[in-house]
Amino acid sequence: MPTLYITRENGTLAQSGNALQWRAAGDKKKTTLPAAQISDVIVVGQGNITTQALHLLMDLQIPVHYLTSNGRYKGSLTSGRRHSFQTWNLHYHYASDPELSLKVAKNIITGKILNQRNTLLRYHYRRGMRDDILAETAAELKDLLTQLSWCKEIDQVRGVEGIAAKSYFRAFASIIQPPWQFKERNRRPPKDPVNAMLSFGYTLLLGSVVTAILIAGLDPCVGFVHPEYRGRPSLALDLMEEFRASVVDRMVLSVCGQMLLNPQDFEGRGGEGVIMTADARKRFLKFYSERIKTEVQNQGNNFRTSIENHIRLQSAFFLRSMRNETDYLPFVMGK
């Protein structure tokens, strides 16, 4: 089922029976969508939703995610009725057990590094295997996977992940071609258009993962790699790691390479970094919506379906791994 994006700030999403209805300010025309046909709602900026519409969404257990206009995740609204005590108790048991949580964290970061490596190798092969930095970094990431397997503490896992990310984005920068520029990963705020797209894309991905976690009946705030902190969706941040490179990074590289957007579609905000224009943001949302509907194969189990389904399946697999006391197998996209 699709995600409903609310990007217009001069209108209201209301209830009409069992449907949702959008009406722009000063416009008599209304757009109606059966609520049962959507999976979640993402509100970007100051979009308005009536209390009656929120009640309908809660009754149907459809989560609502709130983002700022520059793509920063603010939080989610959900009925909270999907979870069970047994499921959350099992989840908390794993998260509080050092040995079990270490094993989970290592599997999650293994998936992240494998997808980073495959993304670099994809462009290495596309360039006729002439780009040394991509091949060299892919080899570095392979060595880091070995180091990861030796980690005895969570902080060591985080250390390996940080080294891998730095190496990966150094190579990622070599793929970006003029008129685009990218020197390093930066955020809060992103300082250039490429980083702005990465940040916004990761926030959209986070919303997709939070929805998948809620459907599975897990607590999105109790993670393993990311520690619990002031209600932060730590588990969602964990489970999105394996999808960052394969979903968002590859999409941003395509946007840049095909010039689906251009640097003029972004505007500076003084010391607050760079954001997309309203029109560019709408187009980027369309790119993301199309991206997660793309069918791909998970190398871990050879199952082929849409990325959106893979995201939801991974949350279900995560729960099943805890119930069966087996290793969690991350999603890995091919080259």
C-alpha atoms as a PDB file:
ATOM      1  CA  MET A   1       0.000   0.000   0.000  1.00  0.00           C
ATOM      2  CA  PRO A   2       1.272   3.526  -0.775  1.00  0.00           C
ATOM      3  CA  THR A   3       2.428   6.242   1.571  1.00  0.00           C
ATOM      4  CA  LEU A   4       0.427   9.474   1.638  1.00  0.00           C
ATOM      5  CA  TYR A   5       2.702  12.529   1.583  1.00  0.00           C
ATOM      6  CA  ILE A   6       1.375  15.895   2.755  1.00  0.00           C
ATOM      7  CA  THR A   7       3.703  18.581   1.435  1.00  0.00           C
ATOM      8  CA  ARG A   8       1.343  21.522   0.961  1.00  0.00           C
ATOM      9  CA  GLU A   9       1.107  23.855   3.927  1.00  0.00           C
ATOM     10  CA  ASN A  10      -1.940  25.768   2.705  1.00  0.00           C
ATOM     11  CA  GLY A  11      -4.572  23.081   3.065  1.00  0.00           C
ATOM     12  CA  THR A  12      -6.136  20.507   5.333  1.00  0.00           C
ATOM     13  CA  LEU A  13      -6.443  16.715   5.418  1.00  0.00           C
ATOM     14  CA  ALA A  14      -9.865  15.847   6.845  1.00  0.00           C
ATOM     15  CA  GLN A  15     -12.106  12.825   7.374  1.00  0.00           C
ATOM     16  CA  SER A  16     -14.985  11.957   5.089  1.00  0.00           C
ATOM     17  CA  GLY A  17     -16.627   8.740   6.307  1.00  0.00           C
ATOM     18  CA  ASN A  18     -13.965   6.031   6.006  1.00  0.00           C
ATOM     19  CA  ALA A  19     -11.921   8.135   3.619  1.00  0.00           C
ATOM     20  CA  LEU A  20      -9.418  10.969   3.836  1.00  0.00           C
ATOM     21  CA  GLN A  21     -10.053  14.213   1.994  1.00  0.00           C
ATOM     22  CA  TRP A  22      -7.583  16.919   1.051  1.00  0.00           C
ATOM     23  CA  ARG A  23      -8.646  20.470   0.298  1.00  0.00           C
ATOM     24  CA  ALA A  24      -6.282  23.327  -0.476  1.00  0.00           C
ATOM     25  CA  ALA A  25      -6.980  26.666   1.159  1.00  0.00           C
ATOM     26  CA  GLY A  26      -9.403  28.728  -0.930  1.00  0.00           C
ATOM     27  CA  ASP A  27     -10.082  25.812  -3.277  1.00  0.00           C
ATOM     28  CA  LYS A  28     -13.495  24.131  -3.485  1.00  0.00           C
ATOM     29  CA  LYS A  29     -12.049  21.028  -5.147  1.00  0.00           C
ATOM     30  CA  LYS A  30     -11.470  18.059  -2.838  1.00  0.00           C
ATOM     31  CA  THR A  31      -9.291  14.998  -3.373  1.00  0.00           C
ATOM     32  CA  THR A  32     -10.568  11.825  -1.706  1.00  0.00           C
ATOM     33  CA  LEU A  33      -8.593   8.680  -0.877  1.00  0.00           C
ATOM     34  CA  PRO A  34      -9.905   5.597   0.971  1.00  0.00           C
ATOM     35  CA  ALA A  35      -7.920   5.491   4.214  1.00  0.00           C
ATOM     36  CA  ALA A  36      -7.642   1.695   4.177  1.00  0.00           C
ATOM     37  CA  GLN A  37      -5.613   1.895   0.966  1.00  0.00           C
ATOM     38  CA  ILE A  38      -2.624   3.710   2.505  1.00  0.00           C
ATOM     39  CA  SER A  39       0.108   2.327   4.739  1.00  0.00           C
ATOM     40  CA  ASP A  40       1.211   5.515   6.513  1.00  0.00           C
ATOM     41  CA  VAL A  41       1.145   9.303   6.297  1.00  0.00           C
ATOM     42  CA  ILE A  42       4.193  11.570   6.140  1.00  0.00           C
ATOM     43  CA  VAL A  43       3.643  15.240   6.895  1.00  0.00           C
ATOM     44  CA  VAL A  44       6.417  17.508   5.585  1.00  0.00           C
ATOM     45  CA  GLY A  45       6.475  21.000   7.046  1.00  0.00           C
ATOM     46  CA  GLN A  46       3.323  22.563   8.493  1.00  0.00           C
ATOM     47  CA  GLY A  47       0.679  20.400   6.815  1.00  0.00           C
ATOM     48  CA  ASN A  48      -2.643  20.302   8.653  1.00  0.00           C
ATOM     49  CA  ILE A  49      -4.605  17.207   9.699  1.00  0.00           C
ATOM     50  CA  THR A  50      -7.917  17.489  11.497  1.00  0.00           C
ATOM     51  CA  THR A  51      -8.498  15.673  14.787  1.00  0.00           C
ATOM     52  CA  GLN A  52     -11.216  13.585  13.115  1.00  0.00           C
ATOM     53  CA  ALA A  53      -8.783  12.462  10.408  1.00  0.00           C
ATOM     54  CA  LEU A  54      -6.208  11.544  13.052  1.00  0.00           C
ATOM     55  CA  HIS A  55      -8.845   9.498  14.907  1.00  0.00           C
ATOM     56  CA  LEU A  56      -9.631   7.592  11.707  1.00  0.00           C
ATOM     57  CA  LEU A  57      -5.939   6.920  11.099  1.00  0.00           C
ATOM     58  CA  MET A  58      -5.473   5.711  14.673  1.00  0.00           C
ATOM     59  CA  ASP A  59      -8.556   3.457  14.411  1.00  0.00           C
ATOM     60  CA  LEU A  60      -7.041   1.891  11.280  1.00  0.00           C
ATOM     61  CA  GLN A  61      -3.614   1.682  12.942  1.00  0.00           C
ATOM     62  CA  ILE A  62      -2.027   3.858  10.258  1.00  0.00           C
ATOM     63  CA  PRO A  63       0.978   5.760  11.662  1.00  0.00           C
ATOM     64  CA  VAL A  64       1.609   9.442  10.938  1.00  0.00           C
ATOM     65  CA  HIS A  65       5.214  10.643  10.691  1.00  0.00           C
ATOM     66  CA  TYR A  66       6.161  14.322  11.029  1.00  0.00           C
ATOM     67  CA  LEU A  67       9.140  15.888   9.219  1.00  0.00           C
ATOM     68  CA  THR A  68      10.347  19.480   9.118  1.00  0.00           C
ATOM     69  CA  SER A  69      10.380  21.277   5.768  1.00  0.00           C
ATOM     70  CA  ASN A  70      14.104  20.528   5.454  1.00  0.00           C
ATOM     71  CA  GLY A  71      13.539  16.821   6.084  1.00  0.00           C
ATOM     72  CA  ARG A  72      14.402  16.372   9.748  1.00  0.00           C
ATOM     73  CA  TYR A  73      12.436  13.669  11.551  1.00  0.00           C
ATOM     74  CA  LYS A  74      10.333  15.036  14.429  1.00  0.00           C
ATOM     75  CA  GLY A  75       8.326  12.023  15.564  1.00  0.00           C
ATOM     76  CA  SER A  76       5.466   9.650  14.857  1.00  0.00           C
ATOM     77  CA  LEU A  77       1.879   9.300  15.992  1.00  0.00           C
ATOM     78  CA  THR A  78       0.435   5.799  16.359  1.00  0.00           C
ATOM     79  CA  SER A  79      -2.387   4.069  18.178  1.00  0.00           C
ATOM     80  CA  GLY A  80       0.082   1.740  19.917  1.00  0.00           C
ATOM     81  CA  ARG A  81      -2.363  -1.150  19.683  1.00  0.00           C
ATOM     82  CA  ARG A  82      -0.259  -3.484  17.550  1.00  0.00           C
ATOM     83  CA  HIS A  83       2.188  -4.566  20.219  1.00  0.00           C
ATOM     84  CA  SER A  84       1.797  -7.330  22.742  1.00  0.00           C
ATOM     85  CA  PHE A  85       3.433  -7.699  26.141  1.00  0.00           C
ATOM     86  CA  GLN A  86       5.149 -10.928  25.066  1.00  0.00           C
ATOM     87  CA  THR A  87       6.691  -9.318  21.989  1.00  0.00           C
ATOM     88  CA  TRP A  88       7.926  -6.214  23.784  1.00  0.00           C
ATOM     89  CA  ASN A  89       9.199  -8.276  26.721  1.00  0.00           C
ATOM     90  CA  LEU A  90      11.235 -10.434  24.338  1.00  0.00           C
ATOM     91  CA  HIS A  91      12.538  -7.311  22.586  1.00  0.00           C
ATOM     92  CA  TYR A  92      13.584  -5.721  25.897  1.00  0.00           C
ATOM     93  CA  HIS A  93      15.244  -8.975  27.003  1.00  0.00           C
ATOM     94  CA  TYR A  94      17.437  -9.002  23.897  1.00  0.00           C
ATOM     95  CA  ALA A  95      18.259  -5.306  24.151  1.00  0.00           C
ATOM     96  CA  SER A  96      19.260  -5.578  27.829  1.00  0.00           C
ATOM     97  CA  ASP A  97      21.406  -8.704  27.419  1.00  0.00           C
ATOM     98  CA  PRO A  98      24.987  -7.671  26.476  1.00  0.00           C
ATOM     99  CA  GLU A  99      25.783 -10.903  24.643  1.00  0.00           C
ATOM    100  CA  LEU A 100      22.552 -11.019  22.651  1.00  0.00           C
ATOM    101  CA  SER A 101      22.589  -7.316  21.801  1.00  0.00           C
ATOM    102  CA  LEU A 102      26.218  -7.552  20.647  1.00  0.00           C
ATOM    103  CA  LYS A 103      25.328 -10.352  18.249  1.00  0.00           C
ATOM    104  CA  VAL A 104      22.389  -8.367  16.853  1.00  0.00           C
ATOM    105  CA  ALA A 105      24.499  -5.212  16.459  1.00  0.00           C
ATOM    106  CA  LYS A 106      27.231  -7.080  14.587  1.00  0.00           C
ATOM    107  CA  ASN A 107      24.694  -8.570  12.163  1.00  0.00           C
ATOM    108  CA  ILE A 108      23.097  -5.173  11.521  1.00  0.00           C
ATOM    109  CA  ILE A 109      26.417  -3.459  10.781  1.00  0.00           C
ATOM    110  CA  THR A 110      27.537  -6.412   8.671  1.00  0.00           C
ATOM    111  CA  GLY A 111      24.507  -5.739   6.473  1.00  0.00           C
ATOM    112  CA  LYS A 112      25.305  -2.041   6.283  1.00  0.00           C
ATOM    113  CA  ILE A 113      28.924  -2.576   5.239  1.00  0.00           C
ATOM    114  CA  LEU A 114      28.016  -5.266   2.694  1.00  0.00           C
ATOM    115  CA  ASN A 115      25.545  -2.892   1.035  1.00  0.00           C
ATOM    116  CA  GLN A 116      28.081  -0.056   1.046  1.00  0.00           C
ATOM    117  CA  ARG A 117      30.623  -2.364  -0.566  1.00  0.00           C
ATOM    118  CA  ASN A 118      28.184  -3.593  -3.219  1.00  0.00           C
ATOM    119  CA  THR A 119      27.206  -0.027  -4.076  1.00  0.00           C
ATOM    120  CA  LEU A 120      30.835   0.948  -4.687  1.00  0.00           C
ATOM    121  CA  LEU A 121      31.502  -2.196  -6.714  1.00  0.00           C
ATOM    122  CA  ARG A 122      28.416  -1.472  -8.820  1.00  0.00           C
ATOM    123  CA  TYR A 123      29.931   1.815  -9.980  1.00  0.00           C
ATOM    124  CA  HIS A 124      33.403   0.282 -10.230  1.00  0.00           C
ATOM    125  CA  TYR A 125      32.087  -2.256 -12.764  1.00  0.00           C
ATOM    126  CA  ARG A 126      30.062   0.406 -14.584  1.00  0.00           C
ATOM    127  CA  ARG A 127      33.266   2.341 -15.146  1.00  0.00           C
ATOM    128  CA  GLY A 128      34.977  -0.663 -16.665  1.00  0.00           C
ATOM    129  CA  MET A 129      36.888  -1.398 -13.459  1.00  0.00           C
ATOM    130  CA  ARG A 130      39.081   1.661 -14.041  1.00  0.00           C
ATOM    131  CA  ASP A 131      38.349   3.467 -10.772  1.00  0.00           C
ATOM    132  CA  ASP A 132      41.024   2.459  -8.271  1.00  0.00           C
ATOM    133  CA  ILE A 133      39.536   4.265  -5.264  1.00  0.00           C
ATOM    134  CA  LEU A 134      36.296   2.302  -5.558  1.00  0.00           C
ATOM    135  CA  ALA A 135      38.121  -1.022  -5.726  1.00  0.00           C
ATOM    136  CA  GLU A 136      40.514  -0.061  -2.926  1.00  0.00           C
ATOM    137  CA  THR A 137      37.677   1.051  -0.660  1.00  0.00           C
ATOM    138  CA  ALA A 138      35.708  -2.098  -1.405  1.00  0.00           C
ATOM    139  CA  ALA A 139      38.764  -4.073  -0.252  1.00  0.00           C
ATOM    140  CA  GLU A 140      38.996  -1.920   2.898  1.00  0.00           C
ATOM    141  CA  LEU A 141      35.347  -2.612   3.677  1.00  0.00           C
ATOM    142  CA  LYS A 142      35.951  -6.327   3.244  1.00  0.00           C
ATOM    143  CA  ASP A 143      38.788  -6.155   5.781  1.00  0.00           C
ATOM    144  CA  LEU A 144      36.564  -4.204   8.171  1.00  0.00           C
ATOM    145  CA  LEU A 145      33.991  -7.006   8.021  1.00  0.00           C
ATOM    146  CA  THR A 146      36.677  -9.299   9.404  1.00  0.00           C
ATOM    147  CA  GLN A 147      37.466  -6.795  12.166  1.00  0.00           C
ATOM    148  CA  LEU A 148      33.756  -6.557  12.917  1.00  0.00           C
ATOM    149  CA  SER A 149      33.543 -10.298  13.512  1.00  0.00           C
ATOM    150  CA  TRP A 150      36.219  -9.961  16.223  1.00  0.00           C
ATOM    151  CA  CYS A 151      34.408  -7.233  18.187  1.00  0.00           C
ATOM    152  CA  LYS A 152      33.676  -8.101  21.807  1.00  0.00           C
ATOM    153  CA  GLU A 153      31.806  -4.925  22.803  1.00  0.00           C
ATOM    154  CA  ILE A 154      29.123  -2.689  21.276  1.00  0.00           C
ATOM    155  CA  ASP A 155      31.440   0.333  21.277  1.00  0.00           C
ATOM    156  CA  GLN A 156      33.919  -1.627  19.150  1.00  0.00           C
ATOM    157  CA  VAL A 157      31.121  -2.358  16.665  1.00  0.00           C
ATOM    158  CA  ARG A 158      30.283   1.339  16.523  1.00  0.00           C
ATOM    159  CA  GLY A 159      33.958   2.121  15.985  1.00  0.00           C
ATOM    160  CA  VAL A 160      34.194  -0.216  12.989  1.00  0.00           C
ATOM    161  CA  GLU A 161      30.966   1.222  11.596  1.00  0.00           C
ATOM    162  CA  GLY A 162      32.373   4.743  11.866  1.00  0.00           C
ATOM    163  CA  ILE A 163      35.606   3.823  10.078  1.00  0.00           C
ATOM    164  CA  ALA A 164      33.622   2.080   7.336  1.00  0.00           C
ATOM    165  CA  ALA A 165      31.334   5.092   6.862  1.00  0.00           C
ATOM    166  CA  LYS A 166      34.289   7.470   6.529  1.00  0.00           C
ATOM    167  CA  SER A 167      35.988   5.252   3.941  1.00  0.00           C
ATOM    168  CA  TYR A 168      32.741   4.677   2.060  1.00  0.00           C
ATOM    169  CA  PHE A 169      31.843   8.344   1.703  1.00  0.00           C
ATOM    170  CA  ARG A 170      35.376   9.195   0.608  1.00  0.00           C
ATOM    171  CA  ALA A 171      34.872   6.795  -2.295  1.00  0.00           C
ATOM    172  CA  PHE A 172      31.268   7.930  -2.768  1.00  0.00           C
ATOM    173  CA  ALA A 173      32.611  11.447  -3.408  1.00  0.00           C
ATOM    174  CA  SER A 174      34.588  10.153  -6.395  1.00  0.00           C
ATOM    175  CA  ILE A 175      31.352   9.035  -8.095  1.00  0.00           C
ATOM    176  CA  ILE A 176      29.791  12.504  -7.890  1.00  0.00           C
ATOM    177  CA  GLN A 177      30.523  14.536 -11.018  1.00  0.00           C
ATOM    178  CA  PRO A 178      30.154  18.274 -11.822  1.00  0.00           C
ATOM    179  CA  PRO A 179      28.058  20.343 -11.575  1.00  0.00           C
ATOM    180  CA  TRP A 180      27.460  18.484  -8.307  1.00  0.00           C
ATOM    181  CA  GLN A 181      29.992  18.702  -5.489  1.00  0.00           C
ATOM    182  CA  PHE A 182      30.510  16.430  -2.517  1.00  0.00           C
ATOM    183  CA  LYS A 183      33.543  16.406  -0.249  1.00  0.00           C
ATOM    184  CA  GLU A 184      32.324  14.629   2.848  1.00  0.00           C
ATOM    185  CA  ARG A 185      29.170  13.560   4.655  1.00  0.00           C
ATOM    186  CA  ASN A 186      27.745  16.375   6.771  1.00  0.00           C
ATOM    187  CA  ARG A 187      24.361  16.962   8.361  1.00  0.00           C
ATOM    188  CA  ARG A 188      22.391  19.012  10.881  1.00  0.00           C
ATOM    189  CA  PRO A 189      22.420  21.018   8.756  1.00  0.00           C
ATOM    190  CA  PRO A 190      23.577  19.590   5.399  1.00  0.00           C
ATOM    191  CA  LYS A 191      25.934  22.068   3.777  1.00  0.00           C
ATOM    192  CA  ASP A 192      25.528  21.164   0.093  1.00  0.00           C
ATOM    193  CA  PRO A 193      22.807  19.810  -2.228  1.00  0.00           C
ATOM    194  CA  VAL A 194      24.079  16.214  -2.264  1.00  0.00           C
ATOM    195  CA  ASN A 195      24.135  16.052   1.525  1.00  0.00           C
ATOM    196  CA  ALA A 196      20.687  17.663   1.613  1.00  0.00           C
ATOM    197  CA  MET A 197      19.353  14.876  -0.611  1.00  0.00           C
ATOM    198  CA  LEU A 198      21.036  12.184   1.472  1.00  0.00           C
ATOM    199  CA  SER A 199      19.634  13.596   4.705  1.00  0.00           C
ATOM    200  CA  PHE A 200      16.116  13.977   3.338  1.00  0.00           C
ATOM    201  CA  GLY A 201      16.248  10.512   1.799  1.00  0.00           C
ATOM    202  CA  TYR A 202      17.395   8.945   5.068  1.00  0.00           C
ATOM    203  CA  THR A 203      14.533  10.658   6.900  1.00  0.00           C
ATOM    204  CA  LEU A 204      12.006   9.249   4.427  1.00  0.00           C
ATOM    205  CA  LEU A 205      13.610   5.824   4.817  1.00  0.00           C
ATOM    206  CA  LEU A 206      13.367   6.170   8.589  1.00  0.00           C
ATOM    207  CA  GLY A 207       9.622   6.733   8.275  1.00  0.00           C
ATOM    208  CA  SER A 208       9.285   3.580   6.164  1.00  0.00           C
ATOM    209  CA  VAL A 209      11.224   1.539   8.731  1.00  0.00           C
ATOM    210  CA  VAL A 210       9.252   2.927  11.688  1.00  0.00           C
ATOM    211  CA  THR A 211       6.043   1.853   9.940  1.00  0.00           C
ATOM    212  CA  ALA A 212       7.468  -1.645   9.354  1.00  0.00           C
ATOM    213  CA  ILE A 213       8.514  -1.948  13.005  1.00  0.00           C
ATOM    214  CA  LEU A 214       5.079  -0.879  14.228  1.00  0.00           C
ATOM    215  CA  ILE A 215       3.416  -3.413  11.930  1.00  0.00           C
ATOM    216  CA  ALA A 216       5.666  -6.130  13.372  1.00  0.00           C
ATOM    217  CA  GLY A 217       4.607  -5.084  16.882  1.00  0.00           C
ATOM    218  CA  LEU A 218       8.071  -4.040  18.085  1.00  0.00           C
ATOM    219  CA  ASP A 219       9.114  -0.941  20.014  1.00  0.00           C
ATOM    220  CA  PRO A 220      10.830   1.450  17.574  1.00  0.00           C
ATOM    221  CA  CYS A 221      12.610   3.258  20.427  1.00  0.00           C
ATOM    222  CA  VAL A 222      14.624   0.319  21.812  1.00  0.00           C
ATOM    223  CA  GLY A 223      17.672  -0.344  19.667  1.00  0.00           C
ATOM    224  CA  PHE A 224      20.987  -2.172  19.736  1.00  0.00           C
ATOM    225  CA  VAL A 225      23.573  -0.170  17.784  1.00  0.00           C
ATOM    226  CA  HIS A 226      21.839   3.117  18.601  1.00  0.00           C
ATOM    227  CA  PRO A 227      21.278   3.409  22.352  1.00  0.00           C
ATOM    228  CA  GLU A 228      17.954   4.550  23.759  1.00  0.00           C
ATOM    229  CA  TYR A 229      17.879   8.334  24.037  1.00  0.00           C
ATOM    230  CA  ARG A 230      14.913  10.601  24.784  1.00  0.00           C
ATOM    231  CA  GLY A 231      12.400   8.624  22.771  1.00  0.00           C
ATOM    232  CA  ARG A 232      14.628   8.442  19.691  1.00  0.00           C
ATOM    233  CA  PRO A 233      13.502   5.670  17.269  1.00  0.00           C
ATOM    234  CA  SER A 234      16.697   3.711  17.934  1.00  0.00           C
ATOM    235  CA  LEU A 235      15.529   0.354  16.550  1.00  0.00           C
ATOM    236  CA  ALA A 236      14.364   2.069  13.364  1.00  0.00           C
ATOM    237  CA  LEU A 237      17.771   3.735  13.042  1.00  0.00           C
ATOM    238  CA  ASP A 238      19.328   0.270  13.478  1.00  0.00           C
ATOM    239  CA  LEU A 239      17.191  -1.558  10.924  1.00  0.00           C
ATOM    240  CA  MET A 240      17.489   1.209   8.334  1.00  0.00           C
ATOM    241  CA  GLU A 241      21.291   0.867   8.310  1.00  0.00           C
ATOM    242  CA  GLU A 242      21.244  -2.025   5.841  1.00  0.00           C
ATOM    243  CA  PHE A 243      19.010  -0.005   3.470  1.00  0.00           C
ATOM    244  CA  ARG A 244      20.869   3.327   3.459  1.00  0.00           C
ATOM    245  CA  ALA A 245      23.361   2.606   0.674  1.00  0.00           C
ATOM    246  CA  SER A 246      21.152   0.326  -1.403  1.00  0.00           C
ATOM    247  CA  VAL A 247      18.051   2.534  -1.305  1.00  0.00           C
ATOM    248  CA  VAL A 248      18.936   6.174  -0.675  1.00  0.00           C
ATOM    249  CA  ASP A 249      22.572   6.456  -1.770  1.00  0.00           C
ATOM    250  CA  ARG A 250      21.964   4.709  -5.089  1.00  0.00           C
ATOM    251  CA  MET A 251      18.895   6.878  -5.673  1.00  0.00           C
ATOM    252  CA  VAL A 252      20.841  10.087  -4.985  1.00  0.00           C
ATOM    253  CA  LEU A 253      23.629   8.956  -7.313  1.00  0.00           C
ATOM    254  CA  SER A 254      21.010   8.373 -10.025  1.00  0.00           C
ATOM    255  CA  VAL A 255      19.429  11.778  -9.421  1.00  0.00           C
ATOM    256  CA  CYS A 256      22.847  13.421  -9.801  1.00  0.00           C
ATOM    257  CA  GLY A 257      24.021  11.291 -12.724  1.00  0.00           C
ATOM    258  CA  GLN A 258      20.819  11.736 -14.725  1.00  0.00           C
ATOM    259  CA  MET A 259      20.373  15.383 -13.673  1.00  0.00           C
ATOM    260  CA  LEU A 260      16.830  14.688 -12.472  1.00  0.00           C
ATOM    261  CA  LEU A 261      17.444  17.667 -10.198  1.00  0.00           C
ATOM    262  CA  ASN A 262      20.175  20.284 -10.465  1.00  0.00           C
ATOM    263  CA  PRO A 263      22.100  22.376  -7.930  1.00  0.00           C
ATOM    264  CA  GLN A 264      19.820  25.346  -8.662  1.00  0.00           C
ATOM    265  CA  ASP A 265      16.953  23.385  -7.076  1.00  0.00           C
ATOM    266  CA  PHE A 266      18.483  24.084  -3.657  1.00  0.00           C
ATOM    267  CA  GLU A 267      18.709  27.231  -1.617  1.00  0.00           C
ATOM    268  CA  GLY A 268      20.963  28.307   1.222  1.00  0.00           C
ATOM    269  CA  ARG A 269      19.613  29.337   4.587  1.00  0.00           C
ATOM    270  CA  GLY A 270      22.528  31.312   5.956  1.00  0.00           C
ATOM    271  CA  GLY A 271      24.078  29.326   8.772  1.00  0.00           C
ATOM    272  CA  GLU A 272      21.259  26.754   8.611  1.00  0.00           C
ATOM    273  CA  GLY A 273      22.658  24.853   5.642  1.00  0.00           C
ATOM    274  CA  VAL A 274      21.021  23.988   2.337  1.00  0.00           C
ATOM    275  CA  ILE A 275      17.477  22.789   1.618  1.00  0.00           C
ATOM    276  CA  MET A 276      15.502  21.805  -1.470  1.00  0.00           C
ATOM    277  CA  THR A 277      13.023  24.203  -2.977  1.00  0.00           C
ATOM    278  CA  ALA A 278       9.365  23.223  -2.519  1.00  0.00           C
ATOM    279  CA  ASP A 279       9.132  21.993  -6.123  1.00  0.00           C
ATOM    280  CA  ALA A 280      12.350  19.954  -5.854  1.00  0.00           C
ATOM    281  CA  ARG A 281      11.126  18.408  -2.613  1.00  0.00           C
ATOM    282  CA  LYS A 282       7.938  17.205  -4.316  1.00  0.00           C
ATOM    283  CA  ARG A 283       9.950  15.670  -7.139  1.00  0.00           C
ATOM    284  CA  PHE A 284      12.323  14.023  -4.683  1.00  0.00           C
ATOM    285  CA  LEU A 285       9.373  12.501  -2.817  1.00  0.00           C
ATOM    286  CA  LYS A 286       8.212  11.069  -6.141  1.00  0.00           C
ATOM    287  CA  PHE A 287      11.677   9.617  -6.790  1.00  0.00           C
ATOM    288  CA  TYR A 288      11.682   7.983  -3.347  1.00  0.00           C
ATOM    289  CA  SER A 289       8.154   6.623  -3.778  1.00  0.00           C
ATOM    290  CA  GLU A 290       9.171   5.056  -7.099  1.00  0.00           C
ATOM    291  CA  ARG A 291      12.429   3.786  -5.641  1.00  0.00           C
ATOM    292  CA  ILE A 292      10.859   1.771  -2.832  1.00  0.00           C
ATOM    293  CA  LYS A 293       8.428   0.207  -5.295  1.00  0.00           C
ATOM    294  CA  THR A 294      11.350  -1.151  -7.349  1.00  0.00           C
ATOM    295  CA  GLU A 295      11.669  -4.933  -7.221  1.00  0.00           C
ATOM    296  CA  VAL A 296      15.088  -6.207  -6.145  1.00  0.00           C
ATOM    297  CA  GLN A 297      16.541  -9.454  -4.856  1.00  0.00           C
ATOM    298  CA  ASN A 298      17.816  -9.997  -1.348  1.00  0.00           C
ATOM    299  CA  GLN A 299      21.102 -11.903  -1.646  1.00  0.00           C
ATOM    300  CA  GLY A 300      20.566 -13.275   1.844  1.00  0.00           C
ATOM    301  CA  ASN A 301      17.536 -15.402   0.917  1.00  0.00           C
ATOM    302  CA  ASN A 302      17.269 -14.925  -2.888  1.00  0.00           C
ATOM    303  CA  PHE A 303      13.737 -13.545  -2.449  1.00  0.00           C
ATOM    304  CA  ARG A 304      12.659 -10.897  -4.945  1.00  0.00           C
ATOM    305  CA  THR A 305      10.044  -8.267  -4.160  1.00  0.00           C
ATOM    306  CA  SER A 306       9.731  -4.486  -3.863  1.00  0.00           C
ATOM    307  CA  ILE A 307      12.107  -2.599  -1.580  1.00  0.00           C
ATOM    308  CA  GLU A 308       9.068  -1.500   0.422  1.00  0.00           C
ATOM    309  CA  ASN A 309       8.168  -5.149   1.064  1.00  0.00           C
ATOM    310  CA  HIS A 310      11.782  -6.003   1.915  1.00  0.00           C
ATOM    311  CA  ILE A 311      11.770  -3.259   4.568  1.00  0.00           C
ATOM    312  CA  ARG A 312       8.654  -4.740   6.158  1.00  0.00           C
ATOM    313  CA  LEU A 313       9.899  -8.297   5.843  1.00  0.00           C
ATOM    314  CA  GLN A 314      13.154  -7.441   7.619  1.00  0.00           C
ATOM    315  CA  SER A 315      11.249  -6.214  10.675  1.00  0.00           C
ATOM    316  CA  ALA A 316       9.262  -9.444  10.666  1.00  0.00           C
ATOM    317  CA  PHE A 317      12.474 -11.465  10.228  1.00  0.00           C
ATOM    318  CA  PHE A 318      14.039  -9.538  13.094  1.00  0.00           C
ATOM    319  CA  LEU A 319      11.190 -10.510  15.412  1.00  0.00           C
ATOM    320  CA  ARG A 320      11.299 -14.103  14.210  1.00  0.00           C
ATOM    321  CA  SER A 321      15.049 -14.329  14.863  1.00  0.00           C
ATOM    322  CA  MET A 322      14.459 -13.345  18.490  1.00  0.00           C
ATOM    323  CA  ARG A 323      11.583 -15.778  18.908  1.00  0.00           C
ATOM    324  CA  ASN A 324      13.554 -18.648  17.360  1.00  0.00           C
ATOM    325  CA  GLU A 325      16.853 -17.621  18.980  1.00  0.00           C
ATOM    326  CA  THR A 326      18.583 -17.559  15.595  1.00  0.00           C
ATOM    327  CA  ASP A 327      20.896 -15.028  13.952  1.00  0.00           C
ATOM    328  CA  TYR A 328      19.277 -12.019  12.306  1.00  0.00           C
ATOM    329  CA  LEU A 329      20.139 -12.028   8.583  1.00  0.00           C
ATOM    330  CA  PRO A 330      20.257  -8.489   7.163  1.00  0.00           C
ATOM    331  CA  PHE A 331      19.009  -7.431   3.749  1.00  0.00           C
ATOM    332  CA  VAL A 332      21.806  -7.325   1.169  1.00  0.00           C
ATOM    333  CA  MET A 333      21.245  -5.992  -2.345  1.00  0.00           C
ATOM    334  CA  GLY A 334      23.461  -7.219  -5.165  1.00  0.00           C
ATOM    335  CA  LYS A 335      25.868  -5.189  -7.204  1.00  0.00           C
END
